[in-house]
Amino acid sequence: MKFIHRLFRPAADPRDTLRPLWLAVVARARAPHWYIDGAVPDTLDGRFDMVALVLAQVLLRIEQAPDQAQNSVWLTELFVTDMDGQMRQIGFGDMIVGKQIGRIMSALGGRLGAYRTGAVDPAAMEAALVRNLWRGEVPSPQALAHVMDAAARLRTALAAVPVATLVTLDHLPESTPA
């Protein structure tokens, strides 16, 4: 009887192992300091931009371990599933959601490229943050410095964690002020 039960039981979703990490990405992106000290707009777009920034930092770290590529795919799929659900919850229909998911994936891909370059070129990171977080409107020097510093500290904290460990975490490593 156990054989029949196992035969018809749905397979576990492999993405579930990364769900705690995904929730940690969202929690870090929702930290008030981004919106208060960093002056990131506390809007749907601003929150998406912060999730994309934090997720990009995590994905860029995961890509440094080619054997973890599947986990990167699954984490991205969790992002897409969450964004899909969020859009449906606020009332977008099927036709709109499909188009928006395409735009979201394009936006994430663009940010990955920009933040990859920005990780080694502070001027490029500054330009990418201004373009993505503040839609080209340069924030105060203090707000920009806060976000630049917090993103750099997050990259440093992520770099200190082996990728095989990172993908099992239910929190992101603390990024203490310099």
Protein backbone atom coordinates (compact mmCIF):
# COMPACT_ATOMS: atom_id res chain seq x y z
CA MET A 1 0.00 0.00 0.00
CA LYS A 2 2.86 2.40 0.73
CA PHE A 3 4.11 1.90 -2.82
CA ILE A 4 0.76 3.03 -4.26
CA HIS A 5 0.67 6.02 -1.92
CA ARG A 6 4.17 7.10 -3.02
CA LEU A 7 3.30 6.51 -6.65
CA PHE A 8 0.39 8.96 -6.61
CA ARG A 9 1.72 11.50 -4.15
CA PRO A 10 2.83 14.69 -5.87
CA ALA A 11 6.56 15.20 -5.93
CA ALA A 12 7.97 17.80 -3.58
CA ASP A 13 8.64 21.15 -5.19
CA PRO A 14 12.44 21.51 -5.27
CA ARG A 15 12.04 25.27 -4.97
CA ASP A 16 10.72 24.80 -1.45
CA THR A 17 14.27 24.38 -0.16
CA LEU A 18 14.98 27.96 -1.32
CA ARG A 19 11.77 29.52 -0.03
CA PRO A 20 13.39 30.55 3.29
CA LEU A 21 16.16 32.34 1.38
CA TRP A 22 13.57 34.04 -0.85
CA LEU A 23 11.67 35.24 2.23
CA ALA A 24 14.95 36.54 3.66
CA VAL A 25 15.58 38.49 0.44
CA VAL A 26 12.13 40.09 0.72
CA ALA A 27 12.62 40.86 4.41
CA ARG A 28 15.97 42.55 3.75
CA ALA A 29 14.46 44.55 0.87
CA ARG A 30 11.66 45.76 3.12
CA ALA A 31 14.01 47.00 5.86
CA PRO A 32 12.94 50.55 6.74
CA HIS A 33 16.43 52.02 6.40
CA TRP A 34 16.26 51.77 2.59
CA TYR A 35 13.16 53.97 2.53
CA ILE A 36 14.02 56.29 5.41
CA ASP A 37 17.80 56.83 5.27
CA GLY A 38 18.10 55.88 1.61
CA ALA A 39 15.03 57.84 0.45
CA VAL A 40 13.96 54.99 -1.85
CA PRO A 41 10.30 55.71 -2.70
CA ASP A 42 8.03 53.60 -0.51
CA THR A 43 5.78 52.69 -3.43
CA LEU A 44 5.06 49.50 -5.34
CA ASP A 45 7.82 50.41 -7.79
CA GLY A 46 10.24 51.33 -5.01
CA ARG A 47 9.61 48.08 -3.17
CA PHE A 48 10.06 46.09 -6.38
CA ASP A 49 13.32 47.95 -7.02
CA MET A 50 14.61 47.07 -3.56
CA VAL A 51 13.63 43.40 -3.92
CA ALA A 52 15.41 43.40 -7.29
CA LEU A 53 18.53 45.00 -5.76
CA VAL A 54 18.77 42.52 -2.88
CA LEU A 55 17.86 39.54 -5.07
CA ALA A 56 20.46 40.59 -7.65
CA GLN A 57 23.14 40.67 -4.94
CA VAL A 58 22.18 37.13 -3.86
CA LEU A 59 21.99 35.81 -7.44
CA LEU A 60 25.36 37.36 -8.29
CA ARG A 61 26.85 35.57 -5.30
CA ILE A 62 25.25 32.26 -6.31
CA GLU A 63 26.56 32.58 -9.86
CA GLN A 64 30.09 32.46 -8.45
CA ALA A 65 29.51 28.76 -7.77
CA PRO A 66 28.61 27.10 -11.09
CA ASP A 67 27.49 23.94 -9.30
CA GLN A 68 24.69 26.01 -7.69
CA ALA A 69 23.19 27.21 -11.01
CA GLN A 70 19.96 25.26 -10.48
CA ASN A 71 19.42 27.00 -7.15
CA SER A 72 19.75 30.34 -8.92
CA VAL A 73 17.04 29.27 -11.36
CA TRP A 74 14.75 28.12 -8.55
CA LEU A 75 15.26 31.33 -6.58
CA THR A 76 14.41 33.34 -9.69
CA GLU A 77 11.29 31.21 -10.19
CA LEU A 78 10.21 31.99 -6.62
CA PHE A 79 10.65 35.68 -7.42
CA VAL A 80 8.47 35.33 -10.54
CA THR A 81 5.82 33.33 -8.68
CA ASP A 82 5.69 35.92 -5.91
CA MET A 83 5.48 38.85 -8.34
CA ASP A 84 2.73 37.04 -10.28
CA GLY A 85 0.77 36.54 -7.07
CA GLN A 86 1.27 40.14 -5.98
CA MET A 87 -0.02 41.47 -9.30
CA ARG A 88 -3.05 39.20 -9.20
CA GLN A 89 -3.77 40.25 -5.63
CA ILE A 90 -3.91 43.91 -6.61
CA GLY A 91 -6.26 43.09 -9.45
CA PHE A 92 -4.24 42.59 -12.64
CA GLY A 93 -5.83 40.15 -15.09
CA ASP A 94 -4.19 37.23 -16.90
CA MET A 95 -3.33 39.23 -20.03
CA ILE A 96 -1.68 42.02 -18.07
CA VAL A 97 0.16 39.71 -15.66
CA GLY A 98 1.81 37.83 -18.53
CA LYS A 99 3.10 41.03 -20.09
CA GLN A 100 4.24 42.40 -16.74
CA ILE A 101 6.14 39.21 -15.88
CA GLY A 102 8.07 39.61 -19.14
CA ARG A 103 8.93 43.19 -18.16
CA ILE A 104 9.88 42.11 -14.65
CA MET A 105 12.25 39.45 -15.95
CA SER A 106 13.78 41.96 -18.35
CA ALA A 107 14.19 44.44 -15.50
CA LEU A 108 15.84 41.82 -13.28
CA GLY A 109 18.19 40.81 -16.09
CA GLY A 110 19.17 44.42 -16.70
CA ARG A 111 19.78 45.00 -13.02
CA LEU A 112 21.91 41.86 -12.76
CA GLY A 113 24.15 43.19 -15.51
CA ALA A 114 24.30 46.68 -14.06
CA TYR A 115 24.96 45.51 -10.50
CA ARG A 116 27.54 42.98 -11.68
CA THR A 117 29.46 45.86 -13.27
CA GLY A 118 28.73 48.08 -10.28
CA ALA A 119 30.29 45.56 -7.92
CA VAL A 120 33.70 46.45 -9.36
CA ASP A 121 33.02 50.03 -10.49
CA PRO A 122 31.49 52.38 -7.90
CA ALA A 123 30.59 54.99 -10.54
CA ALA A 124 28.66 52.36 -12.49
CA MET A 125 26.89 51.24 -9.31
CA GLU A 126 25.94 54.80 -8.49
CA ALA A 127 24.55 55.32 -11.99
CA ALA A 128 22.62 52.03 -11.84
CA LEU A 129 21.13 52.86 -8.44
CA VAL A 130 20.07 56.35 -9.52
CA ARG A 131 18.52 54.94 -12.69
CA ASN A 132 16.75 52.02 -11.00
CA LEU A 133 15.81 53.23 -7.52
CA TRP A 134 15.13 56.89 -8.11
CA ARG A 135 14.18 56.76 -11.83
CA GLY A 136 17.02 59.08 -12.80
CA GLU A 137 16.34 61.72 -10.16
CA VAL A 138 19.53 62.04 -8.14
CA PRO A 139 18.68 61.77 -4.42
CA SER A 140 20.46 63.67 -1.68
CA PRO A 141 24.13 62.79 -1.29
CA GLN A 142 23.34 61.26 2.10
CA ALA A 143 20.60 59.00 0.71
CA LEU A 144 22.76 57.86 -2.19
CA ALA A 145 25.72 57.23 0.11
CA HIS A 146 23.49 55.23 2.45
CA VAL A 147 22.22 52.92 -0.29
CA MET A 148 25.67 52.58 -1.89
CA ASP A 149 27.18 51.67 1.49
CA ALA A 150 24.38 49.27 2.47
CA ALA A 151 24.55 47.48 -0.90
CA ALA A 152 28.33 47.19 -0.65
CA ARG A 153 28.08 45.82 2.90
CA LEU A 154 25.51 43.28 1.75
CA ARG A 155 27.82 42.14 -1.07
CA THR A 156 30.68 41.80 1.41
CA ALA A 157 28.54 39.84 3.88
CA LEU A 158 27.32 37.53 1.10
CA ALA A 159 30.87 36.97 -0.12
CA ALA A 160 31.84 35.72 3.33
CA VAL A 161 29.29 32.88 3.16
CA PRO A 162 29.99 29.80 1.03
CA VAL A 163 27.32 29.57 -1.67
CA ALA A 164 26.41 26.01 -0.65
CA THR A 165 25.58 27.42 2.79
CA LEU A 166 23.90 30.57 1.49
CA VAL A 167 21.25 28.62 -0.42
CA THR A 168 20.22 26.85 2.80
CA LEU A 169 19.81 29.99 4.94
CA ASP A 170 16.58 31.43 6.24
CA HIS A 171 18.19 34.85 6.74
CA LEU A 172 20.77 36.92 4.93
CA PRO A 173 24.09 37.48 6.67
CA GLU A 174 24.31 40.64 8.67
CA SER A 175 26.07 43.47 6.93
CA THR A 176 27.46 45.63 9.70
CA PRO A 177 28.40 49.27 9.15
CA ALA A 178 32.02 49.95 8.26
